[in-house]
Amino acid sequence: MGQANPRPLGDAKRHYWLALGMAQATGAELQRALETGVITHADWAQAVQRCRGCGWAEGCACWMAAQETGKAAVPAACPNAQLFTRAVAAPDPA
């Protein structure tokens, strides 16, 4: 059986900004999620790494550009959907 060739990872800076854009599009308050322990810094680093391996980067950027900031549902196809969904639901540390 032949092995599939792994996808080369995308540029780290570009995918950092794509992941931040997804957070903004979906209303995921990453800082609040970090402060309340909903996500960790390691979770965020892993999210950027998963984004780097995603094959939907071009579609993702176009999708985000068409969304109203903070109002979009997290796309199920996003490899970080679970993280962004958790961050959206992060409690206000009031």
PDB file of N, CA and C in Angstrom:
ATOM      1  N   MET A   1       0.824  -1.169   0.000  1.00  0.00           N
ATOM      2  CA  MET A   1       0.000   0.000   0.000  1.00  0.00           C
ATOM      3  C   MET A   1       0.874   1.240   0.000  1.00  0.00           C
ATOM      4  N   GLY A   2       0.576   2.203  -0.855  1.00  0.00           N
ATOM      5  CA  GLY A   2       1.348   3.433  -0.914  1.00  0.00           C
ATOM      6  C   GLY A   2       0.910   4.410   0.153  1.00  0.00           C
ATOM      7  N   GLN A   3       1.859   5.191   0.613  1.00  0.00           N
ATOM      8  CA  GLN A   3       1.544   6.200   1.606  1.00  0.00           C
ATOM      9  C   GLN A   3       1.239   7.513   0.901  1.00  0.00           C
ATOM     10  N   ALA A   4       0.276   8.239   1.427  1.00  0.00           N
ATOM     11  CA  ALA A   4      -0.036   9.561   0.897  1.00  0.00           C
ATOM     12  C   ALA A   4       1.087  10.514   1.291  1.00  0.00           C
ATOM     13  N   ASN A   5       1.420  11.402   0.386  1.00  0.00           N
ATOM     14  CA  ASN A   5       2.433  12.403   0.706  1.00  0.00           C
ATOM     15  C   ASN A   5       1.825  13.418   1.672  1.00  0.00           C
ATOM     16  N   PRO A   6       2.523  13.719   2.755  1.00  0.00           N
ATOM     17  CA  PRO A   6       1.985  14.712   3.688  1.00  0.00           C
ATOM     18  C   PRO A   6       1.997  16.098   3.056  1.00  0.00           C
ATOM     19  N   ARG A   7       1.028  16.901   3.443  1.00  0.00           N
ATOM     20  CA  ARG A   7       0.974  18.281   2.956  1.00  0.00           C
ATOM     21  C   ARG A   7       2.104  19.077   3.603  1.00  0.00           C
ATOM     22  N   PRO A   8       2.768  19.907   2.830  1.00  0.00           N
ATOM     23  CA  PRO A   8       3.739  20.801   3.471  1.00  0.00           C
ATOM     24  C   PRO A   8       2.974  21.821   4.324  1.00  0.00           C
ATOM     25  N   LEU A   9       3.542  22.172   5.456  1.00  0.00           N
ATOM     26  CA  LEU A   9       2.900  23.151   6.325  1.00  0.00           C
ATOM     27  C   LEU A   9       2.993  24.532   5.710  1.00  0.00           C
ATOM     28  N   GLY A  10       1.950  25.317   5.902  1.00  0.00           N
ATOM     29  CA  GLY A  10       1.941  26.684   5.406  1.00  0.00           C
ATOM     30  C   GLY A  10       2.783  27.596   6.296  1.00  0.00           C
ATOM     31  N   ASP A  11       2.968  28.802   5.834  1.00  0.00           N
ATOM     32  CA  ASP A  11       3.751  29.814   6.535  1.00  0.00           C
ATOM     33  C   ASP A  11       3.153  30.089   7.921  1.00  0.00           C
ATOM     34  N   ALA A  12       3.981  30.022   8.954  1.00  0.00           N
ATOM     35  CA  ALA A  12       3.514  30.170  10.332  1.00  0.00           C
ATOM     36  C   ALA A  12       2.852  31.530  10.570  1.00  0.00           C
ATOM     37  N   LYS A  13       3.455  32.613  10.083  1.00  0.00           N
ATOM     38  CA  LYS A  13       2.881  33.945  10.301  1.00  0.00           C
ATOM     39  C   LYS A  13       1.527  34.080   9.619  1.00  0.00           C
ATOM     40  N   ARG A  14       1.438  33.604   8.406  1.00  0.00           N
ATOM     41  CA  ARG A  14       0.169  33.690   7.669  1.00  0.00           C
ATOM     42  C   ARG A  14      -0.924  32.933   8.408  1.00  0.00           C
ATOM     43  N   HIS A  15      -0.620  31.755   8.896  1.00  0.00           N
ATOM     44  CA  HIS A  15      -1.633  30.942   9.558  1.00  0.00           C
ATOM     45  C   HIS A  15      -1.948  31.448  10.969  1.00  0.00           C
ATOM     46  N   TYR A  16      -0.995  32.104  11.594  1.00  0.00           N
ATOM     47  CA  TYR A  16      -1.285  32.784  12.856  1.00  0.00           C
ATOM     48  C   TYR A  16      -2.374  33.822  12.619  1.00  0.00           C
ATOM     49  N   TRP A  17      -2.203  34.623  11.555  1.00  0.00           N
ATOM     50  CA  TRP A  17      -3.183  35.671  11.254  1.00  0.00           C
ATOM     51  C   TRP A  17      -4.511  35.079  10.777  1.00  0.00           C
ATOM     52  N   LEU A  18      -4.465  33.981  10.041  1.00  0.00           N
ATOM     53  CA  LEU A  18      -5.721  33.319   9.646  1.00  0.00           C
ATOM     54  C   LEU A  18      -6.476  32.816  10.877  1.00  0.00           C
ATOM     55  N   ALA A  19      -5.759  32.224  11.822  1.00  0.00           N
ATOM     56  CA  ALA A  19      -6.404  31.726  13.035  1.00  0.00           C
ATOM     57  C   ALA A  19      -6.981  32.881  13.856  1.00  0.00           C
ATOM     58  N   LEU A  20      -6.255  33.980  13.950  1.00  0.00           N
ATOM     59  CA  LEU A  20      -6.793  35.153  14.644  1.00  0.00           C
ATOM     60  C   LEU A  20      -8.024  35.688  13.921  1.00  0.00           C
ATOM     61  N   GLY A  21      -7.979  35.692  12.590  1.00  0.00           N
ATOM     62  CA  GLY A  21      -9.127  36.143  11.801  1.00  0.00           C
ATOM     63  C   GLY A  21     -10.342  35.268  12.033  1.00  0.00           C
ATOM     64  N   MET A  22     -10.133  33.963  12.140  1.00  0.00           N
ATOM     65  CA  MET A  22     -11.247  33.055  12.410  1.00  0.00           C
ATOM     66  C   MET A  22     -11.825  33.347  13.784  1.00  0.00           C
ATOM     67  N   ALA A  23     -10.960  33.605  14.749  1.00  0.00           N
ATOM     68  CA  ALA A  23     -11.440  33.946  16.092  1.00  0.00           C
ATOM     69  C   ALA A  23     -12.295  35.209  16.038  1.00  0.00           C
ATOM     70  N   GLN A  24     -11.847  36.216  15.328  1.00  0.00           N
ATOM     71  CA  GLN A  24     -12.609  37.460  15.221  1.00  0.00           C
ATOM     72  C   GLN A  24     -13.927  37.246  14.491  1.00  0.00           C
ATOM     73  N   ALA A  25     -13.897  36.484  13.415  1.00  0.00           N
ATOM     74  CA  ALA A  25     -15.111  36.240  12.634  1.00  0.00           C
ATOM     75  C   ALA A  25     -16.172  35.533  13.459  1.00  0.00           C
ATOM     76  N   THR A  26     -15.737  34.644  14.343  1.00  0.00           N
ATOM     77  CA  THR A  26     -16.674  33.827  15.108  1.00  0.00           C
ATOM     78  C   THR A  26     -16.986  34.395  16.493  1.00  0.00           C
ATOM     79  N   GLY A  27     -16.320  35.466  16.864  1.00  0.00           N
ATOM     80  CA  GLY A  27     -16.548  36.049  18.184  1.00  0.00           C
ATOM     81  C   GLY A  27     -15.850  35.302  19.298  1.00  0.00           C
ATOM     82  N   ALA A  28     -14.853  34.514  18.955  1.00  0.00           N
ATOM     83  CA  ALA A  28     -14.088  33.775  19.959  1.00  0.00           C
ATOM     84  C   ALA A  28     -13.128  34.742  20.635  1.00  0.00           C
ATOM     85  N   GLU A  29     -13.382  35.028  21.893  1.00  0.00           N
ATOM     86  CA  GLU A  29     -12.538  35.942  22.670  1.00  0.00           C
ATOM     87  C   GLU A  29     -11.372  35.147  23.244  1.00  0.00           C
ATOM     88  N   LEU A  30     -10.284  35.096  22.489  1.00  0.00           N
ATOM     89  CA  LEU A  30      -9.156  34.255  22.887  1.00  0.00           C
ATOM     90  C   LEU A  30      -8.536  34.690  24.206  1.00  0.00           C
ATOM     91  N   GLN A  31      -8.394  35.981  24.413  1.00  0.00           N
ATOM     92  CA  GLN A  31      -7.791  36.453  25.663  1.00  0.00           C
ATOM     93  C   GLN A  31      -8.652  36.052  26.847  1.00  0.00           C
ATOM     94  N   ARG A  32      -9.961  36.222  26.726  1.00  0.00           N
ATOM     95  CA  ARG A  32     -10.863  35.818  27.806  1.00  0.00           C
ATOM     96  C   ARG A  32     -10.779  34.310  28.032  1.00  0.00           C
ATOM     97  N   ALA A  33     -10.725  33.548  26.939  1.00  0.00           N
ATOM     98  CA  ALA A  33     -10.620  32.089  27.052  1.00  0.00           C
ATOM     99  C   ALA A  33      -9.316  31.694  27.745  1.00  0.00           C
ATOM    100  N   LEU A  34      -8.235  32.410  27.466  1.00  0.00           N
ATOM    101  CA  LEU A  34      -6.965  32.145  28.149  1.00  0.00           C
ATOM    102  C   LEU A  34      -7.056  32.510  29.628  1.00  0.00           C
ATOM    103  N   GLU A  35      -7.605  33.680  29.921  1.00  0.00           N
ATOM    104  CA  GLU A  35      -7.694  34.156  31.303  1.00  0.00           C
ATOM    105  C   GLU A  35      -8.575  33.273  32.177  1.00  0.00           C
ATOM    106  N   THR A  36      -9.587  32.673  31.590  1.00  0.00           N
ATOM    107  CA  THR A  36     -10.514  31.844  32.363  1.00  0.00           C
ATOM    108  C   THR A  36     -10.137  30.364  32.330  1.00  0.00           C
ATOM    109  N   GLY A  37      -9.054  30.021  31.643  1.00  0.00           N
ATOM    110  CA  GLY A  37      -8.585  28.642  31.605  1.00  0.00           C
ATOM    111  C   GLY A  37      -9.340  27.742  30.642  1.00  0.00           C
ATOM    112  N   VAL A  38     -10.172  28.340  29.793  1.00  0.00           N
ATOM    113  CA  VAL A  38     -10.912  27.544  28.804  1.00  0.00           C
ATOM    114  C   VAL A  38      -9.944  26.981  27.771  1.00  0.00           C
ATOM    115  N   ILE A  39      -8.933  27.770  27.421  1.00  0.00           N
ATOM    116  CA  ILE A  39      -7.855  27.298  26.553  1.00  0.00           C
ATOM    117  C   ILE A  39      -6.534  27.680  27.206  1.00  0.00           C
ATOM    118  N   THR A  40      -5.472  27.012  26.774  1.00  0.00           N
ATOM    119  CA  THR A  40      -4.131  27.306  27.283  1.00  0.00           C
ATOM    120  C   THR A  40      -3.289  27.898  26.150  1.00  0.00           C
ATOM    121  N   HIS A  41      -2.130  28.402  26.511  1.00  0.00           N
ATOM    122  CA  HIS A  41      -1.215  28.898  25.483  1.00  0.00           C
ATOM    123  C   HIS A  41      -0.798  27.760  24.554  1.00  0.00           C
ATOM    124  N   ALA A  42      -0.660  26.575  25.101  1.00  0.00           N
ATOM    125  CA  ALA A  42      -0.327  25.405  24.272  1.00  0.00           C
ATOM    126  C   ALA A  42      -1.463  25.100  23.304  1.00  0.00           C
ATOM    127  N   ASP A  43      -2.719  25.249  23.751  1.00  0.00           N
ATOM    128  CA  ASP A  43      -3.863  25.051  22.849  1.00  0.00           C
ATOM    129  C   ASP A  43      -3.769  26.008  21.668  1.00  0.00           C
ATOM    130  N   TRP A  44      -3.437  27.268  21.966  1.00  0.00           N
ATOM    131  CA  TRP A  44      -3.343  28.280  20.908  1.00  0.00           C
ATOM    132  C   TRP A  44      -2.202  27.946  19.946  1.00  0.00           C
ATOM    133  N   ALA A  45      -1.057  27.548  20.465  1.00  0.00           N
ATOM    134  CA  ALA A  45       0.073  27.180  19.605  1.00  0.00           C
ATOM    135  C   ALA A  45      -0.295  25.989  18.721  1.00  0.00           C
ATOM    136  N   GLN A  46      -0.990  25.021  19.289  1.00  0.00           N
ATOM    137  CA  GLN A  46      -1.422  23.856  18.507  1.00  0.00           C
ATOM    138  C   GLN A  46      -2.450  24.260  17.453  1.00  0.00           C
ATOM    139  N   ALA A  47      -3.284  25.242  17.765  1.00  0.00           N
ATOM    140  CA  ALA A  47      -4.279  25.713  16.798  1.00  0.00           C
ATOM    141  C   ALA A  47      -3.594  26.301  15.568  1.00  0.00           C
ATOM    142  N   VAL A  48      -2.567  27.093  15.795  1.00  0.00           N
ATOM    143  CA  VAL A  48      -1.835  27.676  14.666  1.00  0.00           C
ATOM    144  C   VAL A  48      -1.175  26.556  13.854  1.00  0.00           C
ATOM    145  N   GLN A  49      -0.615  25.573  14.536  1.00  0.00           N
ATOM    146  CA  GLN A  49       0.022  24.456  13.838  1.00  0.00           C
ATOM    147  C   GLN A  49      -1.002  23.677  13.010  1.00  0.00           C
ATOM    148  N   ARG A  50      -2.194  23.418  13.585  1.00  0.00           N
ATOM    149  CA  ARG A  50      -3.244  22.722  12.822  1.00  0.00           C
ATOM    150  C   ARG A  50      -3.657  23.548  11.610  1.00  0.00           C
ATOM    151  N   CYS A  51      -3.756  24.853  11.790  1.00  0.00           N
ATOM    152  CA  CYS A  51      -4.111  25.741  10.681  1.00  0.00           C
ATOM    153  C   CYS A  51      -3.067  25.635   9.565  1.00  0.00           C
ATOM    154  N   ARG A  52      -1.811  25.554   9.941  1.00  0.00           N
ATOM    155  CA  ARG A  52      -0.731  25.448   8.946  1.00  0.00           C
ATOM    156  C   ARG A  52      -0.890  24.221   8.066  1.00  0.00           C
ATOM    157  N   GLY A  53      -1.485  23.154   8.602  1.00  0.00           N
ATOM    158  CA  GLY A  53      -1.656  21.924   7.847  1.00  0.00           C
ATOM    159  C   GLY A  53      -2.993  21.829   7.125  1.00  0.00           C
ATOM    160  N   CYS A  54      -3.831  22.831   7.281  1.00  0.00           N
ATOM    161  CA  CYS A  54      -5.172  22.804   6.689  1.00  0.00           C
ATOM    162  C   CYS A  54      -5.107  23.084   5.188  1.00  0.00           C
ATOM    163  N   GLY A  55      -5.863  22.322   4.428  1.00  0.00           N
ATOM    164  CA  GLY A  55      -5.893  22.500   2.978  1.00  0.00           C
ATOM    165  C   GLY A  55      -6.895  23.549   2.512  1.00  0.00           C
ATOM    166  N   TRP A  56      -7.601  24.194   3.450  1.00  0.00           N
ATOM    167  CA  TRP A  56      -8.659  25.135   3.086  1.00  0.00           C
ATOM    168  C   TRP A  56      -8.236  26.588   3.306  1.00  0.00           C
ATOM    169  N   ALA A  57      -6.956  26.877   3.401  1.00  0.00           N
ATOM    170  CA  ALA A  57      -6.479  28.209   3.763  1.00  0.00           C
ATOM    171  C   ALA A  57      -6.998  29.299   2.826  1.00  0.00           C
ATOM    172  N   GLU A  58      -6.974  29.072   1.529  1.00  0.00           N
ATOM    173  CA  GLU A  58      -7.462  30.100   0.600  1.00  0.00           C
ATOM    174  C   GLU A  58      -8.963  30.293   0.749  1.00  0.00           C
ATOM    175  N   GLY A  59      -9.689  29.193   0.828  1.00  0.00           N
ATOM    176  CA  GLY A  59     -11.131  29.279   1.023  1.00  0.00           C
ATOM    177  C   GLY A  59     -11.470  29.919   2.355  1.00  0.00           C
ATOM    178  N   CYS A  60     -10.683  29.635   3.347  1.00  0.00           N
ATOM    179  CA  CYS A  60     -10.885  30.184   4.682  1.00  0.00           C
ATOM    180  C   CYS A  60     -10.798  31.707   4.648  1.00  0.00           C
ATOM    181  N   ALA A  61      -9.766  32.237   4.022  1.00  0.00           N
ATOM    182  CA  ALA A  61      -9.587  33.684   3.950  1.00  0.00           C
ATOM    183  C   ALA A  61     -10.760  34.339   3.231  1.00  0.00           C
ATOM    184  N   CYS A  62     -11.224  33.736   2.155  1.00  0.00           N
ATOM    185  CA  CYS A  62     -12.378  34.269   1.416  1.00  0.00           C
ATOM    186  C   CYS A  62     -13.641  34.180   2.258  1.00  0.00           C
ATOM    187  N   TRP A  63     -13.820  33.057   2.950  1.00  0.00           N
ATOM    188  CA  TRP A  63     -14.987  32.877   3.805  1.00  0.00           C
ATOM    189  C   TRP A  63     -15.010  33.939   4.897  1.00  0.00           C
ATOM    190  N   MET A  64     -13.861  34.152   5.557  1.00  0.00           N
ATOM    191  CA  MET A  64     -13.805  35.139   6.634  1.00  0.00           C
ATOM    192  C   MET A  64     -14.123  36.541   6.133  1.00  0.00           C
ATOM    193  N   ALA A  65     -13.638  36.876   4.950  1.00  0.00           N
ATOM    194  CA  ALA A  65     -13.871  38.207   4.397  1.00  0.00           C
ATOM    195  C   ALA A  65     -15.354  38.474   4.151  1.00  0.00           C
ATOM    196  N   ALA A  66     -16.129  37.425   3.972  1.00  0.00           N
ATOM    197  CA  ALA A  66     -17.559  37.566   3.687  1.00  0.00           C
ATOM    198  C   ALA A  66     -18.420  37.550   4.957  1.00  0.00           C
ATOM    199  N   GLN A  67     -17.793  37.410   6.131  1.00  0.00           N
ATOM    200  CA  GLN A  67     -18.550  37.291   7.377  1.00  0.00           C
ATOM    201  C   GLN A  67     -18.642  38.630   8.106  1.00  0.00           C
ATOM    202  N   GLU A  68     -19.711  38.787   8.875  1.00  0.00           N
ATOM    203  CA  GLU A  68     -19.830  39.929   9.769  1.00  0.00           C
ATOM    204  C   GLU A  68     -19.022  39.599  11.025  1.00  0.00           C
ATOM    205  N   THR A  69     -18.112  40.465  11.397  1.00  0.00           N
ATOM    206  CA  THR A  69     -17.214  40.216  12.524  1.00  0.00           C
ATOM    207  C   THR A  69     -17.990  39.833  13.783  1.00  0.00           C
ATOM    208  N   GLY A  70     -17.593  38.722  14.360  1.00  0.00           N
ATOM    209  CA  GLY A  70     -18.170  38.263  15.612  1.00  0.00           C
ATOM    210  C   GLY A  70     -19.489  37.535  15.496  1.00  0.00           C
ATOM    211  N   LYS A  71     -20.015  37.389  14.286  1.00  0.00           N
ATOM    212  CA  LYS A  71     -21.347  36.809  14.115  1.00  0.00           C
ATOM    213  C   LYS A  71     -21.352  35.440  13.435  1.00  0.00           C
ATOM    214  N   ALA A  72     -20.235  35.019  12.881  1.00  0.00           N
ATOM    215  CA  ALA A  72     -20.200  33.786  12.094  1.00  0.00           C
ATOM    216  C   ALA A  72     -20.181  32.544  12.982  1.00  0.00           C
ATOM    217  N   ALA A  73     -20.819  31.508  12.500  1.00  0.00           N
ATOM    218  CA  ALA A  73     -20.725  30.206  13.169  1.00  0.00           C
ATOM    219  C   ALA A  73     -19.390  29.583  12.779  1.00  0.00           C
ATOM    220  N   VAL A  74     -18.791  28.885  13.708  1.00  0.00           N
ATOM    221  CA  VAL A  74     -17.514  28.228  13.431  1.00  0.00           C
ATOM    222  C   VAL A  74     -17.750  27.149  12.377  1.00  0.00           C
ATOM    223  N   PRO A  75     -17.048  27.213  11.228  1.00  0.00           N
ATOM    224  CA  PRO A  75     -17.252  26.188  10.202  1.00  0.00           C
ATOM    225  C   PRO A  75     -16.775  24.814  10.692  1.00  0.00           C
ATOM    226  N   ALA A  76     -17.585  23.816  10.472  1.00  0.00           N
ATOM    227  CA  ALA A  76     -17.238  22.458  10.906  1.00  0.00           C
ATOM    228  C   ALA A  76     -15.966  21.961  10.238  1.00  0.00           C
ATOM    229  N   ALA A  77     -15.663  22.456   9.041  1.00  0.00           N
ATOM    230  CA  ALA A  77     -14.477  22.017   8.307  1.00  0.00           C
ATOM    231  C   ALA A  77     -13.182  22.561   8.908  1.00  0.00           C
ATOM    232  N   CYS A  78     -13.265  23.547   9.762  1.00  0.00           N
ATOM    233  CA  CYS A  78     -12.067  24.145  10.362  1.00  0.00           C
ATOM    234  C   CYS A  78     -11.428  23.139  11.316  1.00  0.00           C
ATOM    235  N   PRO A  79     -10.127  22.883  11.183  1.00  0.00           N
ATOM    236  CA  PRO A  79      -9.475  21.937  12.095  1.00  0.00           C
ATOM    237  C   PRO A  79      -9.439  22.444  13.537  1.00  0.00           C
ATOM    238  N   ASN A  80      -9.756  23.711  13.730  1.00  0.00           N
ATOM    239  CA  ASN A  80      -9.779  24.300  15.067  1.00  0.00           C
ATOM    240  C   ASN A  80     -11.197  24.617  15.539  1.00  0.00           C
ATOM    241  N   ALA A  81     -12.188  24.013  14.914  1.00  0.00           N
ATOM    242  CA  ALA A  81     -13.583  24.310  15.251  1.00  0.00           C
ATOM    243  C   ALA A  81     -13.850  24.113  16.741  1.00  0.00           C
ATOM    244  N   GLN A  82     -13.331  23.051  17.319  1.00  0.00           N
ATOM    245  CA  GLN A  82     -13.582  22.777  18.731  1.00  0.00           C
ATOM    246  C   GLN A  82     -12.979  23.871  19.617  1.00  0.00           C
ATOM    247  N   LEU A  83     -11.768  24.298  19.318  1.00  0.00           N
ATOM    248  CA  LEU A  83     -11.119  25.336  20.114  1.00  0.00           C
ATOM    249  C   LEU A  83     -11.897  26.638  20.020  1.00  0.00           C
ATOM    250  N   PHE A  84     -12.284  27.055  18.816  1.00  0.00           N
ATOM    251  CA  PHE A  84     -13.020  28.309  18.663  1.00  0.00           C
ATOM    252  C   PHE A  84     -14.392  28.226  19.313  1.00  0.00           C
ATOM    253  N   THR A  85     -15.039  27.080  19.237  1.00  0.00           N
ATOM    254  CA  THR A  85     -16.342  26.906  19.884  1.00  0.00           C
ATOM    255  C   THR A  85     -16.198  27.037  21.399  1.00  0.00           C
ATOM    256  N   ARG A  86     -15.149  26.445  21.960  1.00  0.00           N
ATOM    257  CA  ARG A  86     -14.897  26.590  23.399  1.00  0.00           C
ATOM    258  C   ARG A  86     -14.615  28.040  23.760  1.00  0.00           C
ATOM    259  N   ALA A  87     -13.835  28.727  22.930  1.00  0.00           N
ATOM    260  CA  ALA A  87     -13.485  30.127  23.216  1.00  0.00           C
ATOM    261  C   ALA A  87     -14.708  31.034  23.115  1.00  0.00           C
ATOM    262  N   VAL A  88     -15.605  30.763  22.181  1.00  0.00           N
ATOM    263  CA  VAL A  88     -16.829  31.561  22.061  1.00  0.00           C
ATOM    264  C   VAL A  88     -17.651  31.436  23.349  1.00  0.00           C
ATOM    265  N   ALA A  89     -17.659  30.261  23.927  1.00  0.00           N
ATOM    266  CA  ALA A  89     -18.466  29.992  25.118  1.00  0.00           C
ATOM    267  C   ALA A  89     -17.750  30.341  26.416  1.00  0.00           C
ATOM    268  N   ALA A  90     -16.553  30.895  26.341  1.00  0.00           N
ATOM    269  CA  ALA A  90     -15.789  31.216  27.557  1.00  0.00           C
ATOM    270  C   ALA A  90     -16.573  32.212  28.412  1.00  0.00           C
ATOM    271  N   PRO A  91     -16.651  31.952  29.720  1.00  0.00           N
ATOM    272  CA  PRO A  91     -17.395  32.874  30.602  1.00  0.00           C
ATOM    273  C   PRO A  91     -16.667  34.202  30.760  1.00  0.00           C
ATOM    274  N   ASP A  92     -17.434  35.238  31.009  1.00  0.00           N
ATOM    275  CA  ASP A  92     -16.864  36.558  31.270  1.00  0.00           C
ATOM    276  C   ASP A  92     -16.263  36.537  32.680  1.00  0.00           C
ATOM    277  N   PRO A  93     -14.986  36.883  32.844  1.00  0.00           N
ATOM    278  CA  PRO A  93     -14.346  36.786  34.157  1.00  0.00           C
ATOM    279  C   PRO A  93     -14.802  37.851  35.162  1.00  0.00           C
ATOM    280  N   ALA A  94     -15.854  38.572  34.864  1.00  0.00           N
ATOM    281  CA  ALA A  94     -16.376  39.645  35.738  1.00  0.00           C
ATOM    282  C   ALA A  94     -16.168  39.308  37.144  1.00  0.00           C
TER     283      ALA A  94
END
